[in-house]
PDB file of all heavy atoms in Angstrom:
ATOM      1  N   GLY A   1       0.784  -1.218   0.000  1.00  0.00           N
ATOM      2  CA  GLY A   1       0.000   0.000   0.000  1.00  0.00           C
ATOM      3  C   GLY A   1       0.816   1.268   0.000  1.00  0.00           C
ATOM      4  O   GLY A   1       0.256   2.354  -0.200  1.00  0.00           O
ATOM      5  N   GLY A   2       2.115   1.150   0.191  1.00  0.00           N
ATOM      6  CA  GLY A   2       2.985   2.309   0.219  1.00  0.00           C
ATOM      7  C   GLY A   2       3.367   2.789  -1.159  1.00  0.00           C
ATOM      8  O   GLY A   2       2.953   2.235  -2.180  1.00  0.00           O
ATOM      9  N   SER A   3       4.191   3.831  -1.184  1.00  0.00           N
ATOM     10  CA  SER A   3       4.604   4.472  -2.424  1.00  0.00           C
ATOM     11  C   SER A   3       6.106   4.680  -2.455  1.00  0.00           C
ATOM     12  O   SER A   3       6.756   4.828  -1.412  1.00  0.00           O
ATOM     13  CB  SER A   3       3.921   5.835  -2.583  1.00  0.00           C
ATOM     14  OG  SER A   3       2.515   5.710  -2.682  1.00  0.00           O
ATOM     15  N   LEU A   4       6.647   4.702  -3.657  1.00  0.00           N
ATOM     16  CA  LEU A   4       8.037   5.037  -3.903  1.00  0.00           C
ATOM     17  C   LEU A   4       8.133   5.823  -5.193  1.00  0.00           C
ATOM     18  O   LEU A   4       7.293   5.665  -6.086  1.00  0.00           O
ATOM     19  CB  LEU A   4       8.911   3.783  -4.029  1.00  0.00           C
ATOM     20  CG  LEU A   4       9.190   2.954  -2.791  1.00  0.00           C
ATOM     21  CD1 LEU A   4       9.905   1.658  -3.193  1.00  0.00           C
ATOM     22  CD2 LEU A   4      10.040   3.729  -1.795  1.00  0.00           C
ATOM     23  N   ARG A   5       9.166   6.642  -5.301  1.00  0.00           N
ATOM     24  CA  ARG A   5       9.492   7.291  -6.557  1.00  0.00           C
ATOM     25  C   ARG A   5      10.919   6.944  -6.937  1.00  0.00           C
ATOM     26  O   ARG A   5      11.861   7.263  -6.210  1.00  0.00           O
ATOM     27  CB  ARG A   5       9.338   8.809  -6.499  1.00  0.00           C
ATOM     28  CG  ARG A   5       9.453   9.446  -7.887  1.00  0.00           C
ATOM     29  CD  ARG A   5       9.187  10.932  -7.889  1.00  0.00           C
ATOM     30  NE  ARG A   5      10.376  11.703  -7.564  1.00  0.00           N
ATOM     31  CZ  ARG A   5      10.593  12.949  -7.975  1.00  0.00           C
ATOM     32  NH1 ARG A   5       9.676  13.564  -8.724  1.00  0.00           N
ATOM     33  NH2 ARG A   5      11.690  13.583  -7.618  1.00  0.00           N
ATOM     34  N   LEU A   6      11.064   6.294  -8.081  1.00  0.00           N
ATOM     35  CA  LEU A   6      12.366   5.953  -8.617  1.00  0.00           C
ATOM     36  C   LEU A   6      12.839   7.051  -9.562  1.00  0.00           C
ATOM     37  O   LEU A   6      12.039   7.672 -10.259  1.00  0.00           O
ATOM     38  CB  LEU A   6      12.320   4.632  -9.377  1.00  0.00           C
ATOM     39  CG  LEU A   6      11.745   3.422  -8.636  1.00  0.00           C
ATOM     40  CD1 LEU A   6      11.853   2.182  -9.517  1.00  0.00           C
ATOM     41  CD2 LEU A   6      12.434   3.211  -7.299  1.00  0.00           C
ATOM     42  N   SER A   7      14.149   7.258  -9.584  1.00  0.00           N
ATOM     43  CA  SER A   7      14.758   8.220 -10.488  1.00  0.00           C
ATOM     44  C   SER A   7      15.846   7.543 -11.299  1.00  0.00           C
ATOM     45  O   SER A   7      16.510   6.621 -10.826  1.00  0.00           O
ATOM     46  CB  SER A   7      15.369   9.394  -9.715  1.00  0.00           C
ATOM     47  OG  SER A   7      14.387  10.105  -8.992  1.00  0.00           O
ATOM     48  N   CYS A   8      16.032   8.008 -12.517  1.00  0.00           N
ATOM     49  CA  CYS A   8      17.099   7.548 -13.392  1.00  0.00           C
ATOM     50  C   CYS A   8      17.789   8.770 -13.965  1.00  0.00           C
ATOM     51  O   CYS A   8      17.179   9.523 -14.741  1.00  0.00           O
ATOM     52  CB  CYS A   8      16.554   6.670 -14.510  1.00  0.00           C
ATOM     53  SG  CYS A   8      17.763   6.279 -15.801  1.00  0.00           S
ATOM     54  N   ALA A   9      19.041   8.972 -13.578  1.00  0.00           N
ATOM     55  CA  ALA A   9      19.839  10.083 -14.073  1.00  0.00           C
ATOM     56  C   ALA A   9      20.736   9.593 -15.193  1.00  0.00           C
ATOM     57  O   ALA A   9      21.511   8.654 -15.017  1.00  0.00           O
ATOM     58  CB  ALA A   9      20.669  10.681 -12.945  1.00  0.00           C
ATOM     59  N   ALA A  10      20.639  10.230 -16.349  1.00  0.00           N
ATOM     60  CA  ALA A  10      21.373   9.813 -17.536  1.00  0.00           C
ATOM     61  C   ALA A  10      22.482  10.794 -17.859  1.00  0.00           C
ATOM     62  O   ALA A  10      22.345  12.004 -17.684  1.00  0.00           O
ATOM     63  CB  ALA A  10      20.430   9.694 -18.727  1.00  0.00           C
ATOM     64  N   SER A  11      23.583  10.251 -18.362  1.00  0.00           N
ATOM     65  CA  SER A  11      24.675  11.062 -18.873  1.00  0.00           C
ATOM     66  C   SER A  11      25.298  10.342 -20.065  1.00  0.00           C
ATOM     67  O   SER A  11      25.146   9.131 -20.223  1.00  0.00           O
ATOM     68  CB  SER A  11      25.727  11.348 -17.795  1.00  0.00           C
ATOM     69  OG  SER A  11      26.294  10.137 -17.312  1.00  0.00           O
ATOM     70  N   GLY A  12      25.991  11.087 -20.906  1.00  0.00           N
ATOM     71  CA  GLY A  12      26.651  10.501 -22.056  1.00  0.00           C
ATOM     72  C   GLY A  12      25.764  10.273 -23.261  1.00  0.00           C
ATOM     73  O   GLY A  12      26.224   9.697 -24.256  1.00  0.00           O
ATOM     74  N   ILE A  13      24.514  10.681 -23.191  1.00  0.00           N
ATOM     75  CA  ILE A  13      23.594  10.603 -24.312  1.00  0.00           C
ATOM     76  C   ILE A  13      22.858  11.922 -24.448  1.00  0.00           C
ATOM     77  O   ILE A  13      22.773  12.693 -23.481  1.00  0.00           O
ATOM     78  CB  ILE A  13      22.576   9.451 -24.179  1.00  0.00           C
ATOM     79  CG1 ILE A  13      21.719   9.625 -22.923  1.00  0.00           C
ATOM     80  CG2 ILE A  13      23.268   8.098 -24.182  1.00  0.00           C
ATOM     81  CD1 ILE A  13      20.554   8.657 -22.835  1.00  0.00           C
ATOM     82  N   ILE A  14      22.352  12.160 -25.644  1.00  0.00           N
ATOM     83  CA  ILE A  14      21.443  13.286 -25.827  1.00  0.00           C
ATOM     84  C   ILE A  14      20.079  12.794 -25.367  1.00  0.00           C
ATOM     85  O   ILE A  14      19.314  12.199 -26.116  1.00  0.00           O
ATOM     86  CB  ILE A  14      21.429  13.758 -27.282  1.00  0.00           C
ATOM     87  CG1 ILE A  14      22.845  14.098 -27.750  1.00  0.00           C
ATOM     88  CG2 ILE A  14      20.511  14.976 -27.437  1.00  0.00           C
ATOM     89  CD1 ILE A  14      22.944  14.452 -29.218  1.00  0.00           C
ATOM     90  N   PHE A  15      19.797  13.049 -24.116  1.00  0.00           N
ATOM     91  CA  PHE A  15      18.675  12.422 -23.423  1.00  0.00           C
ATOM     92  C   PHE A  15      17.351  12.646 -24.140  1.00  0.00           C
ATOM     93  O   PHE A  15      16.522  11.735 -24.248  1.00  0.00           O
ATOM     94  CB  PHE A  15      18.616  12.956 -21.988  1.00  0.00           C
ATOM     95  CG  PHE A  15      17.535  12.368 -21.143  1.00  0.00           C
ATOM     96  CD1 PHE A  15      17.687  11.118 -20.574  1.00  0.00           C
ATOM     97  CD2 PHE A  15      16.359  13.067 -20.905  1.00  0.00           C
ATOM     98  CE1 PHE A  15      16.695  10.569 -19.780  1.00  0.00           C
ATOM     99  CE2 PHE A  15      15.360  12.534 -20.120  1.00  0.00           C
ATOM    100  CZ  PHE A  15      15.528  11.286 -19.555  1.00  0.00           C
ATOM    101  N   SER A  16      17.148  13.846 -24.637  1.00  0.00           N
ATOM    102  CA  SER A  16      15.848  14.220 -25.181  1.00  0.00           C
ATOM    103  C   SER A  16      15.457  13.443 -26.435  1.00  0.00           C
ATOM    104  O   SER A  16      14.272  13.406 -26.780  1.00  0.00           O
ATOM    105  CB  SER A  16      15.802  15.721 -25.476  1.00  0.00           C
ATOM    106  OG  SER A  16      16.767  16.074 -26.444  1.00  0.00           O
ATOM    107  N   VAL A  17      16.408  12.814 -27.122  1.00  0.00           N
ATOM    108  CA  VAL A  17      16.098  12.103 -28.363  1.00  0.00           C
ATOM    109  C   VAL A  17      15.840  10.614 -28.127  1.00  0.00           C
ATOM    110  O   VAL A  17      15.520   9.896 -29.078  1.00  0.00           O
ATOM    111  CB  VAL A  17      17.211  12.270 -29.413  1.00  0.00           C
ATOM    112  CG1 VAL A  17      17.553  13.738 -29.601  1.00  0.00           C
ATOM    113  CG2 VAL A  17      18.448  11.470 -29.049  1.00  0.00           C
ATOM    114  N   TYR A  18      15.959  10.146 -26.901  1.00  0.00           N
ATOM    115  CA  TYR A  18      15.811   8.728 -26.612  1.00  0.00           C
ATOM    116  C   TYR A  18      14.446   8.390 -26.030  1.00  0.00           C
ATOM    117  O   TYR A  18      13.951   9.081 -25.128  1.00  0.00           O
ATOM    118  CB  TYR A  18      16.876   8.265 -25.616  1.00  0.00           C
ATOM    119  CG  TYR A  18      18.200   7.951 -26.255  1.00  0.00           C
ATOM    120  CD1 TYR A  18      19.113   8.954 -26.531  1.00  0.00           C
ATOM    121  CD2 TYR A  18      18.526   6.640 -26.586  1.00  0.00           C
ATOM    122  CE1 TYR A  18      20.329   8.661 -27.129  1.00  0.00           C
ATOM    123  CE2 TYR A  18      19.745   6.342 -27.173  1.00  0.00           C
ATOM    124  CZ  TYR A  18      20.643   7.350 -27.439  1.00  0.00           C
ATOM    125  OH  TYR A  18      21.855   7.055 -28.021  1.00  0.00           O
ATOM    126  N   ASN A  19      13.859   7.312 -26.535  1.00  0.00           N
ATOM    127  CA  ASN A  19      12.773   6.674 -25.809  1.00  0.00           C
ATOM    128  C   ASN A  19      13.358   6.038 -24.549  1.00  0.00           C
ATOM    129  O   ASN A  19      14.455   5.479 -24.574  1.00  0.00           O
ATOM    130  CB  ASN A  19      12.102   5.600 -26.650  1.00  0.00           C
ATOM    131  CG  ASN A  19      11.432   6.166 -27.876  1.00  0.00           C
ATOM    132  OD1 ASN A  19      11.014   7.317 -27.906  1.00  0.00           O
ATOM    133  ND2 ASN A  19      11.298   5.338 -28.910  1.00  0.00           N
ATOM    134  N   MET A  20      12.619   6.119 -23.454  1.00  0.00           N
ATOM    135  CA  MET A  20      13.096   5.645 -22.164  1.00  0.00           C
ATOM    136  C   MET A  20      12.103   4.662 -21.562  1.00  0.00           C
ATOM    137  O   MET A  20      10.929   4.639 -21.930  1.00  0.00           O
ATOM    138  CB  MET A  20      13.279   6.810 -21.193  1.00  0.00           C
ATOM    139  CG  MET A  20      14.241   7.890 -21.661  1.00  0.00           C
ATOM    140  SD  MET A  20      15.966   7.334 -21.677  1.00  0.00           S
ATOM    141  CE  MET A  20      16.242   7.033 -19.930  1.00  0.00           C
ATOM    142  N   GLY A  21      12.585   3.868 -20.616  1.00  0.00           N
ATOM    143  CA  GLY A  21      11.687   2.935 -19.969  1.00  0.00           C
ATOM    144  C   GLY A  21      12.226   2.394 -18.665  1.00  0.00           C
ATOM    145  O   GLY A  21      13.429   2.463 -18.384  1.00  0.00           O
ATOM    146  N   TRP A  22      11.306   1.863 -17.873  1.00  0.00           N
ATOM    147  CA  TRP A  22      11.623   1.135 -16.655  1.00  0.00           C
ATOM    148  C   TRP A  22      11.279  -0.337 -16.861  1.00  0.00           C
ATOM    149  O   TRP A  22      10.156  -0.669 -17.251  1.00  0.00           O
ATOM    150  CB  TRP A  22      10.841   1.665 -15.461  1.00  0.00           C
ATOM    151  CG  TRP A  22      11.280   3.010 -14.995  1.00  0.00           C
ATOM    152  CD1 TRP A  22      10.734   4.215 -15.285  1.00  0.00           C
ATOM    153  CD2 TRP A  22      12.379   3.273 -14.113  1.00  0.00           C
ATOM    154  NE1 TRP A  22      11.417   5.223 -14.652  1.00  0.00           N
ATOM    155  CE2 TRP A  22      12.427   4.668 -13.927  1.00  0.00           C
ATOM    156  CE3 TRP A  22      13.319   2.467 -13.466  1.00  0.00           C
ATOM    157  CZ2 TRP A  22      13.387   5.278 -13.115  1.00  0.00           C
ATOM    158  CZ3 TRP A  22      14.275   3.078 -12.665  1.00  0.00           C
ATOM    159  CH2 TRP A  22      14.299   4.467 -12.500  1.00  0.00           C
ATOM    160  N   TYR A  23      12.247  -1.189 -16.611  1.00  0.00           N
ATOM    161  CA  TYR A  23      12.062  -2.632 -16.611  1.00  0.00           C
ATOM    162  C   TYR A  23      12.245  -3.151 -15.195  1.00  0.00           C
ATOM    163  O   TYR A  23      12.853  -2.495 -14.353  1.00  0.00           O
ATOM    164  CB  TYR A  23      13.077  -3.317 -17.527  1.00  0.00           C
ATOM    165  CG  TYR A  23      12.867  -3.099 -19.006  1.00  0.00           C
ATOM    166  CD1 TYR A  23      13.145  -1.868 -19.595  1.00  0.00           C
ATOM    167  CD2 TYR A  23      12.418  -4.131 -19.825  1.00  0.00           C
ATOM    168  CE1 TYR A  23      12.967  -1.666 -20.956  1.00  0.00           C
ATOM    169  CE2 TYR A  23      12.245  -3.947 -21.190  1.00  0.00           C
ATOM    170  CZ  TYR A  23      12.524  -2.708 -21.744  1.00  0.00           C
ATOM    171  OH  TYR A  23      12.355  -2.521 -23.100  1.00  0.00           O
ATOM    172  N   ARG A  24      11.731  -4.337 -14.948  1.00  0.00           N
ATOM    173  CA  ARG A  24      11.961  -4.963 -13.655  1.00  0.00           C
ATOM    174  C   ARG A  24      12.130  -6.465 -13.813  1.00  0.00           C
ATOM    175  O   ARG A  24      11.647  -7.063 -14.781  1.00  0.00           O
ATOM    176  CB  ARG A  24      10.832  -4.666 -12.672  1.00  0.00           C
ATOM    177  CG  ARG A  24       9.504  -5.333 -13.015  1.00  0.00           C
ATOM    178  CD  ARG A  24       8.414  -4.880 -12.059  1.00  0.00           C
ATOM    179  NE  ARG A  24       7.124  -5.470 -12.393  1.00  0.00           N
ATOM    180  CZ  ARG A  24       5.974  -5.099 -11.852  1.00  0.00           C
ATOM    181  NH1 ARG A  24       5.946  -4.138 -10.939  1.00  0.00           N
ATOM    182  NH2 ARG A  24       4.845  -5.695 -12.213  1.00  0.00           N
ATOM    183  N   GLN A  25      12.829  -7.046 -12.856  1.00  0.00           N
ATOM    184  CA  GLN A  25      13.007  -8.488 -12.810  1.00  0.00           C
ATOM    185  C   GLN A  25      12.836  -8.947 -11.369  1.00  0.00           C
ATOM    186  O   GLN A  25      13.652  -8.623 -10.503  1.00  0.00           O
ATOM    187  CB  GLN A  25      14.374  -8.905 -13.340  1.00  0.00           C
ATOM    188  CG  GLN A  25      14.525 -10.413 -13.464  1.00  0.00           C
ATOM    189  CD  GLN A  25      15.736 -10.810 -14.278  1.00  0.00           C
ATOM    190  OE1 GLN A  25      16.634 -10.012 -14.505  1.00  0.00           O
ATOM    191  NE2 GLN A  25      15.747 -12.050 -14.728  1.00  0.00           N
ATOM    192  N   GLY A  26      11.761  -9.676 -11.116  1.00  0.00           N
ATOM    193  CA  GLY A  26      11.505 -10.230  -9.808  1.00  0.00           C
ATOM    194  C   GLY A  26      12.191 -11.566  -9.635  1.00  0.00           C
ATOM    195  O   GLY A  26      12.692 -12.156 -10.599  1.00  0.00           O
ATOM    196  N   PRO A  27      12.222 -12.077  -8.402  1.00  0.00           N
ATOM    197  CA  PRO A  27      12.873 -13.364  -8.136  1.00  0.00           C
ATOM    198  C   PRO A  27      12.274 -14.485  -8.977  1.00  0.00           C
ATOM    199  O   PRO A  27      11.063 -14.714  -8.946  1.00  0.00           O
ATOM    200  CB  PRO A  27      12.618 -13.589  -6.648  1.00  0.00           C
ATOM    201  CG  PRO A  27      12.355 -12.220  -6.095  1.00  0.00           C
ATOM    202  CD  PRO A  27      11.657 -11.479  -7.193  1.00  0.00           C
TER     203      PRO A  27
END
C-alpha cells in the first residue's frame, strides 16, 4: 500500500532524443 518514486539520471547521451523505460526483474 505504500509508495516510492524511482529516479534515473542519464549522462553521455542526448537524453531528449531517446525513448526511455523502466524494466523490472523479480525473483
